[in-house]
Amino acid sequence: MIRIRPTTTVAFVLLACGLAWIVALPLWLSSGLGNPLTGTLIPVMMFTPAVAVLVVMLVLRPVPKGERLRFLGIWPLRPAKRVIWMTVLGLFGPIVLIALSIGVAALCGWVTLDLVHFSGFADQLESSMPAGVPAPPAIVVILSQLALIPFAAVTINAVLAFGEELGWRGFLVPALRQYGTWPALLISGVVWGLWHSPLILLGYNFGITDITGVLLMTAGCVAWGVLLGWLRLRSASLWPAVFAHGAMNAGGGMVLWFYAAGTKVDLALAGMLGAAGWITCAVVVVMLVLTRQFRRQPELDGAVGRMLSAPRQARD
């Protein structure tokens, strides 16, 4: 079993977070999220965890050269059947969970839905159209965007998500796994949330520019990070988590399709990363615990230097 030294793990975290602040610095030195470079810098920032992994692997060499792809979950993709099914689950599962979180938000009174006329979204469409140009029917746009979520998740969103996932679920979860499954999942989720701080403190996601926004984002990342980490450990592959992250990013704004005109959507409560998302993820996690899914952490081929080797781990 490959054991990553704590100093190596700390070096990775500091490097990933430090690079994120450096990339976001132009936003802090100018007009914040209103900077025209925002749309470019955010994708660049998503690759800082991957850069941190490359630096750590090449400089500190915590994993033997021939074992790096296996340790990171990039290759080999076998047993193929398990990897494929877990990838399908990662691709479509977040869409279902986001939809369920919208239902939770409605039940808790955090959002008022209009599932007949989609009036809030219709107003958004109308205001976005040039003068004199009629807006398309809201339901047509919603259905088309829904159909595009899986496509986006496996293309551009997957590329961007890989930049993050190589760091969080590729390196950090396996590096922390030696301390136990739950410490690995929870600590990696906290780090993932705090890594977003350069953007969150500018109002990204929640429109909150103080520590409250960072805490909300961290809670959301812990909730979703447990599930992404489970995909990583359950499949022994990085790719299910990559596509799940891509699907999350593609479907994160679904709640804005269904709210009623004249009402507001507080993403801290009704959003995927807000309280409704936490509750939904928590229910799924409890179900996985009760069915002992977290104990099933297969190893790839039983190779020397494999990621996991606890004798009580169930095998596929």
Protein backbone atom coordinates (compact mmCIF):
# COMPACT_ATOMS: atom_id res chain seq x y z
CA MET A 1 0.00 0.00 0.00
CA ILE A 2 1.34 3.42 -0.94
CA ARG A 3 1.34 5.77 2.03
CA ILE A 4 1.59 9.47 1.29
CA ARG A 5 3.53 11.46 3.87
CA PRO A 6 1.54 14.19 5.63
CA THR A 7 4.04 16.81 4.47
CA THR A 8 3.36 15.82 0.86
CA THR A 9 -0.39 16.10 1.34
CA VAL A 10 -0.02 19.50 3.02
CA ALA A 11 2.26 20.66 0.19
CA PHE A 12 -0.38 19.68 -2.35
CA VAL A 13 -3.16 21.52 -0.50
CA LEU A 14 -1.12 24.69 -0.05
CA LEU A 15 0.01 24.66 -3.66
CA ALA A 16 -3.51 24.08 -5.05
CA CYS A 17 -5.04 26.80 -2.89
CA GLY A 18 -2.14 29.21 -3.44
CA LEU A 19 -2.34 28.83 -7.20
CA ALA A 20 -6.10 29.45 -7.04
CA TRP A 21 -5.51 32.78 -5.27
CA ILE A 22 -2.84 33.73 -7.80
CA VAL A 23 -5.17 33.03 -10.74
CA ALA A 24 -7.99 34.99 -9.10
CA LEU A 25 -5.75 37.93 -8.14
CA PRO A 26 -6.64 40.03 -11.23
CA LEU A 27 -10.28 39.91 -10.12
CA TRP A 28 -9.35 41.18 -6.66
CA LEU A 29 -7.27 43.98 -8.12
CA SER A 30 -10.03 45.23 -10.39
CA SER A 31 -13.81 45.03 -10.57
CA GLY A 32 -14.23 41.59 -9.05
CA LEU A 33 -16.56 39.26 -10.91
CA GLY A 34 -17.39 42.12 -13.26
CA ASN A 35 -13.92 41.86 -14.76
CA PRO A 36 -14.16 40.77 -18.43
CA LEU A 37 -11.50 38.14 -17.70
CA THR A 38 -13.74 36.33 -15.20
CA GLY A 39 -15.02 33.88 -17.81
CA THR A 40 -11.44 32.94 -18.62
CA LEU A 41 -9.89 32.94 -15.16
CA ILE A 42 -12.50 30.65 -13.58
CA PRO A 43 -11.76 27.76 -15.99
CA VAL A 44 -8.02 28.37 -15.53
CA MET A 45 -8.48 28.24 -11.76
CA MET A 46 -10.19 24.84 -12.13
CA PHE A 47 -6.89 23.40 -13.35
CA THR A 48 -4.84 24.54 -10.36
CA PRO A 49 -5.43 21.27 -8.41
CA ALA A 50 -4.19 19.31 -11.43
CA VAL A 51 -1.10 21.51 -11.66
CA ALA A 52 -0.49 20.96 -7.95
CA VAL A 53 -0.68 17.18 -8.47
CA LEU A 54 1.83 17.32 -11.31
CA VAL A 55 4.26 19.41 -9.28
CA VAL A 56 3.98 17.18 -6.22
CA MET A 57 4.36 14.00 -8.28
CA LEU A 58 7.39 15.27 -10.19
CA VAL A 59 9.18 17.06 -7.36
CA LEU A 60 8.32 15.10 -4.21
CA ARG A 61 7.75 11.76 -5.98
CA PRO A 62 5.37 10.23 -3.41
CA VAL A 63 4.28 7.49 -5.84
CA PRO A 64 6.62 5.31 -7.94
CA LYS A 65 6.60 6.35 -11.58
CA GLY A 66 4.96 3.16 -12.83
CA GLU A 67 2.13 3.40 -10.29
CA ARG A 68 1.08 7.03 -10.73
CA LEU A 69 -1.76 6.55 -13.19
CA ARG A 70 -3.15 3.68 -11.10
CA PHE A 71 -2.88 5.65 -7.85
CA LEU A 72 -4.66 8.63 -9.39
CA GLY A 73 -7.40 6.41 -10.80
CA ILE A 74 -6.72 7.38 -14.41
CA TRP A 75 -5.72 3.96 -15.75
CA PRO A 76 -6.36 1.03 -16.17
CA LEU A 77 -10.14 1.10 -16.61
CA ARG A 78 -10.96 -2.34 -15.26
CA PRO A 79 -12.96 -4.21 -14.41
CA ALA A 80 -14.54 -2.35 -17.31
CA LYS A 81 -18.11 -3.27 -16.39
CA ARG A 82 -17.82 -1.72 -12.94
CA VAL A 83 -16.15 1.44 -14.20
CA ILE A 84 -18.77 1.88 -16.93
CA TRP A 85 -21.75 1.47 -14.62
CA MET A 86 -20.28 3.73 -11.98
CA THR A 87 -19.58 6.31 -14.69
CA VAL A 88 -23.20 6.15 -15.86
CA LEU A 89 -24.28 6.61 -12.24
CA GLY A 90 -21.94 9.56 -11.92
CA LEU A 91 -23.27 11.10 -15.11
CA PHE A 92 -27.01 10.89 -14.37
CA GLY A 93 -27.09 10.63 -10.57
CA PRO A 94 -26.36 14.33 -9.92
CA ILE A 95 -29.21 15.38 -12.24
CA VAL A 96 -31.63 13.28 -10.20
CA LEU A 97 -30.24 14.57 -6.90
CA ILE A 98 -30.48 18.20 -8.02
CA ALA A 99 -34.10 17.61 -9.04
CA LEU A 100 -34.80 16.04 -5.64
CA SER A 101 -33.14 18.97 -3.88
CA ILE A 102 -35.55 21.32 -5.67
CA GLY A 103 -38.40 19.27 -4.24
CA VAL A 104 -36.83 19.47 -0.77
CA ALA A 105 -36.52 23.24 -1.12
CA ALA A 106 -40.18 23.52 -2.10
CA LEU A 107 -41.31 21.33 0.80
CA CYS A 108 -39.29 23.46 3.22
CA GLY A 109 -40.74 26.67 1.79
CA TRP A 110 -37.42 27.90 0.46
CA VAL A 111 -38.66 28.28 -3.10
CA THR A 112 -42.05 28.80 -4.70
CA LEU A 113 -42.43 26.66 -7.79
CA ASP A 114 -44.45 27.20 -10.93
CA LEU A 115 -44.47 23.86 -12.71
CA VAL A 116 -47.19 24.86 -15.16
CA HIS A 117 -46.12 28.14 -16.73
CA PHE A 118 -42.50 28.31 -15.44
CA SER A 119 -43.18 32.00 -15.03
CA GLY A 120 -39.93 33.00 -13.34
CA PHE A 121 -37.83 31.42 -16.07
CA ALA A 122 -40.16 32.81 -18.73
CA ASP A 123 -39.54 36.30 -17.38
CA GLN A 124 -35.80 35.70 -17.55
CA LEU A 125 -36.09 34.62 -21.19
CA GLU A 126 -38.20 37.60 -22.11
CA SER A 127 -35.80 40.07 -20.52
CA SER A 128 -32.86 38.48 -22.32
CA MET A 129 -34.37 38.80 -25.81
CA PRO A 130 -33.73 41.82 -28.08
CA ALA A 131 -36.55 44.33 -28.31
CA GLY A 132 -39.34 43.12 -30.56
CA VAL A 133 -38.15 39.51 -30.61
CA PRO A 134 -40.56 37.09 -28.90
CA ALA A 135 -39.12 34.72 -26.31
CA PRO A 136 -39.36 30.99 -27.04
CA PRO A 137 -41.71 28.94 -24.82
CA ALA A 138 -40.07 28.32 -21.47
CA ILE A 139 -40.84 24.59 -21.52
CA VAL A 140 -39.07 24.17 -24.88
CA VAL A 141 -35.93 25.86 -23.57
CA ILE A 142 -36.05 23.86 -20.33
CA LEU A 143 -36.37 20.53 -22.15
CA SER A 144 -33.56 21.41 -24.55
CA GLN A 145 -31.26 22.47 -21.72
CA LEU A 146 -32.14 19.33 -19.78
CA ALA A 147 -31.23 17.20 -22.79
CA LEU A 148 -27.93 19.06 -23.14
CA ILE A 149 -26.82 18.43 -19.53
CA PRO A 150 -25.38 14.92 -20.18
CA PHE A 151 -23.71 16.14 -23.39
CA ALA A 152 -22.10 19.07 -21.59
CA ALA A 153 -21.12 16.80 -18.70
CA VAL A 154 -19.09 14.47 -20.94
CA THR A 155 -17.51 17.19 -23.08
CA ILE A 156 -16.39 20.66 -21.99
CA ASN A 157 -17.58 20.27 -18.39
CA ALA A 158 -15.70 16.99 -18.06
CA VAL A 159 -12.50 18.63 -19.28
CA LEU A 160 -12.82 21.41 -16.72
CA ALA A 161 -13.95 19.04 -13.96
CA PHE A 162 -10.91 16.85 -14.61
CA GLY A 163 -8.72 19.78 -13.61
CA GLU A 164 -10.28 19.73 -10.16
CA GLU A 165 -10.98 16.03 -9.76
CA LEU A 166 -7.40 15.00 -10.51
CA GLY A 167 -6.52 16.90 -7.35
CA TRP A 168 -9.43 16.23 -5.02
CA ARG A 169 -10.54 12.67 -5.80
CA GLY A 170 -7.50 11.63 -7.81
CA PHE A 171 -4.79 12.54 -5.32
CA LEU A 172 -6.23 13.87 -2.06
CA VAL A 173 -8.80 11.16 -1.28
CA PRO A 174 -6.31 8.30 -1.83
CA ALA A 175 -3.62 10.22 0.07
CA LEU A 176 -5.93 10.62 3.08
CA ARG A 177 -7.46 7.14 2.80
CA GLN A 178 -4.74 5.70 5.03
CA TYR A 179 -6.38 7.54 7.94
CA GLY A 180 -9.79 5.99 7.23
CA THR A 181 -12.61 6.39 4.74
CA TRP A 182 -14.54 9.12 6.57
CA PRO A 183 -11.53 11.31 7.38
CA ALA A 184 -10.54 11.07 3.72
CA LEU A 185 -14.00 12.03 2.46
CA LEU A 186 -14.69 14.80 4.97
CA ILE A 187 -11.26 16.45 4.93
CA SER A 188 -11.07 16.40 1.15
CA GLY A 189 -14.53 18.00 1.03
CA VAL A 190 -13.44 20.78 3.39
CA VAL A 191 -10.33 21.46 1.33
CA TRP A 192 -12.40 21.49 -1.86
CA GLY A 193 -14.75 24.05 -0.34
CA LEU A 194 -12.02 26.32 1.01
CA TRP A 195 -10.24 26.21 -2.33
CA HIS A 196 -13.21 28.15 -3.78
CA SER A 197 -12.62 31.05 -1.35
CA PRO A 198 -11.05 33.48 -3.89
CA LEU A 199 -14.29 33.42 -5.89
CA ILE A 200 -16.81 32.96 -3.09
CA LEU A 201 -15.51 36.04 -1.24
CA LEU A 202 -16.22 38.03 -4.40
CA GLY A 203 -19.87 36.91 -4.33
CA TYR A 204 -19.67 33.89 -6.61
CA ASN A 205 -22.42 31.25 -6.15
CA PHE A 206 -24.26 32.83 -3.21
CA GLY A 207 -23.81 36.57 -3.66
CA ILE A 208 -22.28 36.71 -0.18
CA THR A 209 -18.89 38.36 0.21
CA ASP A 210 -17.90 37.34 3.72
CA ILE A 211 -16.97 34.18 5.61
CA THR A 212 -20.61 33.07 5.54
CA GLY A 213 -20.33 32.38 1.82
CA VAL A 214 -17.16 30.35 2.35
CA LEU A 215 -18.85 28.29 5.08
CA LEU A 216 -21.86 27.66 2.85
CA MET A 217 -19.63 26.56 -0.01
CA THR A 218 -17.58 24.34 2.27
CA ALA A 219 -20.70 22.63 3.61
CA GLY A 220 -21.93 22.07 0.07
CA CYS A 221 -18.59 20.66 -1.03
CA VAL A 222 -18.48 18.31 1.94
CA ALA A 223 -22.00 17.04 1.17
CA TRP A 224 -21.34 16.47 -2.51
CA GLY A 225 -17.71 15.51 -1.91
CA VAL A 226 -18.74 12.48 0.13
CA LEU A 227 -20.70 11.19 -2.85
CA LEU A 228 -17.96 11.99 -5.37
CA GLY A 229 -15.43 10.38 -3.07
CA TRP A 230 -17.64 7.31 -2.78
CA LEU A 231 -17.73 7.04 -6.57
CA ARG A 232 -13.93 7.22 -6.57
CA LEU A 233 -13.42 4.58 -3.90
CA ARG A 234 -16.24 2.31 -5.04
CA SER A 235 -15.03 2.22 -8.64
CA ALA A 236 -11.28 2.54 -8.00
CA SER A 237 -11.39 4.97 -10.91
CA LEU A 238 -11.32 8.75 -11.20
CA TRP A 239 -13.67 8.96 -14.18
CA PRO A 240 -17.05 8.47 -12.46
CA ALA A 241 -16.25 11.44 -10.22
CA VAL A 242 -15.11 13.52 -13.20
CA PHE A 243 -18.37 13.01 -15.08
CA ALA A 244 -20.43 13.49 -11.91
CA HIS A 245 -18.67 16.81 -11.30
CA GLY A 246 -19.35 17.76 -14.91
CA ALA A 247 -23.03 16.92 -14.50
CA MET A 248 -23.20 18.95 -11.28
CA ASN A 249 -21.78 22.01 -13.01
CA ALA A 250 -24.11 21.57 -15.97
CA GLY A 251 -27.24 21.16 -13.86
CA GLY A 252 -26.46 23.47 -10.97
CA GLY A 253 -28.90 26.14 -12.11
CA MET A 254 -31.92 23.86 -12.57
CA VAL A 255 -33.82 25.47 -9.69
CA LEU A 256 -33.95 28.69 -11.73
CA TRP A 257 -36.11 26.92 -14.33
CA PHE A 258 -38.99 26.29 -11.98
CA TYR A 259 -39.47 29.22 -9.62
CA ALA A 260 -42.55 31.41 -9.76
CA ALA A 261 -42.40 34.95 -11.09
CA GLY A 262 -42.37 37.62 -8.41
CA THR A 263 -40.46 35.41 -5.98
CA LYS A 264 -36.75 35.09 -5.29
CA VAL A 265 -34.47 32.08 -5.13
CA ASP A 266 -32.01 32.07 -2.25
CA LEU A 267 -29.27 29.70 -3.43
CA ALA A 268 -27.98 29.40 0.13
CA LEU A 269 -31.20 27.55 0.91
CA ALA A 270 -32.67 26.26 -2.36
CA GLY A 271 -29.52 25.77 -4.44
CA MET A 272 -27.66 22.56 -5.17
CA LEU A 273 -24.85 23.66 -2.82
CA GLY A 274 -27.25 25.13 -0.28
CA ALA A 275 -29.30 23.58 2.51
CA ALA A 276 -31.63 21.70 0.16
CA GLY A 277 -28.62 20.06 -1.48
CA TRP A 278 -27.11 19.17 1.89
CA ILE A 279 -30.30 17.44 2.98
CA THR A 280 -30.61 15.50 -0.27
CA CYS A 281 -27.00 14.37 -0.20
CA ALA A 282 -27.29 13.41 3.48
CA VAL A 283 -30.27 11.14 2.76
CA VAL A 284 -28.36 9.40 -0.03
CA VAL A 285 -25.27 9.02 2.15
CA VAL A 286 -27.35 7.44 4.92
CA MET A 287 -28.78 4.98 2.39
CA LEU A 288 -25.27 4.11 1.20
CA VAL A 289 -24.11 3.61 4.79
CA LEU A 290 -27.08 1.38 5.63
CA THR A 291 -26.37 -0.76 2.56
CA ARG A 292 -22.67 -0.92 3.50
CA GLN A 293 -21.62 0.66 0.23
CA PHE A 294 -18.72 2.53 1.81
CA ARG A 295 -17.14 -0.78 2.77
CA ARG A 296 -16.90 -1.82 -0.86
CA GLN A 297 -13.67 -0.29 -2.08
CA PRO A 298 -12.22 -2.60 -4.75
CA GLU A 299 -8.59 -2.57 -5.73
CA LEU A 300 -7.34 -2.66 -9.27
CA ASP A 301 -5.85 -6.07 -10.04
CA GLY A 302 -4.29 -6.40 -6.57
CA ALA A 303 -1.14 -4.83 -7.98
CA VAL A 304 1.90 -3.92 -5.91
CA GLY A 305 1.48 -0.35 -4.69
CA ARG A 306 -2.32 -0.54 -4.91
CA MET A 307 -4.30 2.29 -3.40
CA LEU A 308 -6.12 0.26 -0.75
CA SER A 309 -5.07 -2.82 1.13
CA ALA A 310 -7.12 -2.95 4.34
CA PRO A 311 -7.76 -6.67 4.98
CA ARG A 312 -11.41 -6.13 5.86
CA GLN A 313 -12.26 -4.36 2.62
CA ALA A 314 -14.87 -6.20 0.60
CA ARG A 315 -13.80 -7.19 -2.87
CA ASP A 316 -15.80 -7.37 -6.08
